[in-house]
Amino acid sequence: MLKMTYDMDIESVAVNYAKKCIFEHNEDRSNNQWNMELGENLYVAYSTNMVDSTIRMTQAVTAWFNEVTLFTDTSSLANFVFDEATGHYT
């Protein structure tokens, strides 16, 4: 099983791009250590009510997680092959 670790370089890429406030994928999100492009999950919602904002963020994460029902080909994960239908889950 692959182990997940926290990477400060990846955090830096994400933080620097987020500061630009551009709602689209970062075109420069390669990670040379793994020789692959970093994934990004984008979601937008608006509310002036903090409770609504929390609910909307929960809905976003739930929607991404629900892609698990579409994930049937485990070889794509082992070989790091992106599949648009399950990209958020994987």
Protein backbone atom coordinates (compact mmCIF):
# COMPACT_ATOMS: atom_id res chain seq x y z
CA MET A 1 0.00 0.00 0.00
CA LEU A 2 1.22 3.50 -0.81
CA LYS A 3 1.80 5.79 2.16
CA MET A 4 0.70 9.39 2.13
CA THR A 5 3.07 12.02 3.49
CA TYR A 6 2.80 15.79 3.82
CA ASP A 7 4.96 17.77 1.42
CA MET A 8 5.83 21.40 2.22
CA ASP A 9 6.87 22.05 -1.41
CA ILE A 10 3.43 21.02 -2.62
CA GLU A 11 1.87 23.23 0.05
CA SER A 12 3.95 26.16 -1.21
CA VAL A 13 2.76 25.64 -4.80
CA ALA A 14 -0.87 25.55 -3.64
CA VAL A 15 -0.63 28.56 -1.31
CA ASN A 16 1.16 30.73 -3.87
CA TYR A 17 -1.43 29.95 -6.53
CA ALA A 18 -4.37 30.43 -4.14
CA LYS A 19 -3.10 33.93 -3.33
CA LYS A 20 -3.73 34.87 -6.98
CA CYS A 21 -7.50 34.27 -6.52
CA ILE A 22 -7.92 32.70 -9.96
CA PHE A 23 -10.65 30.06 -10.17
CA GLU A 24 -9.06 27.63 -12.58
CA HIS A 25 -6.46 24.90 -12.39
CA ASN A 26 -2.89 26.04 -11.96
CA GLU A 27 -1.08 25.38 -15.23
CA ASP A 28 2.26 25.15 -13.41
CA ARG A 29 1.61 22.40 -10.87
CA SER A 30 4.23 19.85 -11.74
CA ASN A 31 6.10 18.08 -8.99
CA ASN A 32 9.56 17.07 -10.12
CA GLN A 33 10.11 14.66 -7.25
CA TRP A 34 7.41 12.32 -8.60
CA ASN A 35 7.60 13.48 -12.22
CA MET A 36 3.85 14.03 -12.36
CA GLU A 37 1.28 16.80 -12.25
CA LEU A 38 -0.32 17.61 -8.90
CA GLY A 39 -4.09 17.24 -8.63
CA GLU A 40 -6.41 20.07 -7.68
CA ASN A 41 -10.05 19.87 -6.67
CA LEU A 42 -11.96 23.05 -7.47
CA TYR A 43 -15.38 23.93 -6.07
CA VAL A 44 -17.22 27.21 -5.77
CA ALA A 45 -20.07 28.21 -3.50
CA TYR A 46 -21.17 31.52 -2.07
CA SER A 47 -22.89 32.42 1.16
CA THR A 48 -22.76 35.24 3.67
CA ASN A 49 -23.85 32.78 6.35
CA MET A 50 -21.03 30.75 7.91
CA VAL A 51 -23.33 27.78 8.57
CA ASP A 52 -24.31 27.68 4.89
CA SER A 53 -20.64 27.85 3.91
CA THR A 54 -19.82 24.86 6.09
CA ILE A 55 -22.72 22.90 4.60
CA ARG A 56 -21.62 23.77 1.06
CA MET A 57 -18.03 22.69 1.70
CA THR A 58 -19.31 19.43 3.17
CA GLN A 59 -21.38 18.95 0.02
CA ALA A 60 -18.29 19.50 -2.14
CA VAL A 61 -16.21 16.90 -0.30
CA THR A 62 -19.12 14.47 -0.32
CA ALA A 63 -19.54 14.89 -4.08
CA TRP A 64 -15.85 14.20 -4.63
CA PHE A 65 -15.92 11.17 -2.34
CA ASN A 66 -19.04 9.77 -4.03
CA GLU A 67 -16.92 9.18 -7.12
CA VAL A 68 -15.85 6.00 -5.31
CA THR A 69 -18.94 4.35 -6.82
CA LEU A 70 -17.46 4.96 -10.29
CA PHE A 71 -14.02 3.67 -9.37
CA THR A 72 -13.77 0.09 -10.58
CA ASP A 73 -10.39 -0.11 -12.32
CA THR A 74 -7.74 -0.33 -9.61
CA SER A 75 -4.96 -0.56 -12.20
CA SER A 76 -5.45 3.11 -13.05
CA LEU A 77 -4.58 4.03 -9.47
CA ALA A 78 -1.55 1.77 -9.29
CA ASN A 79 -0.21 3.21 -12.55
CA PHE A 80 -1.22 6.82 -11.78
CA VAL A 81 -3.53 7.06 -14.78
CA PHE A 82 -5.97 9.97 -14.50
CA ASP A 83 -9.62 9.20 -15.15
CA GLU A 84 -11.90 12.24 -15.37
CA ALA A 85 -14.86 10.37 -13.88
CA THR A 86 -12.98 9.46 -10.70
CA GLY A 87 -10.26 12.09 -10.62
CA HIS A 88 -11.30 13.64 -7.32
CA TYR A 89 -11.67 10.34 -5.51
CA THR A 90 -8.38 8.88 -6.70
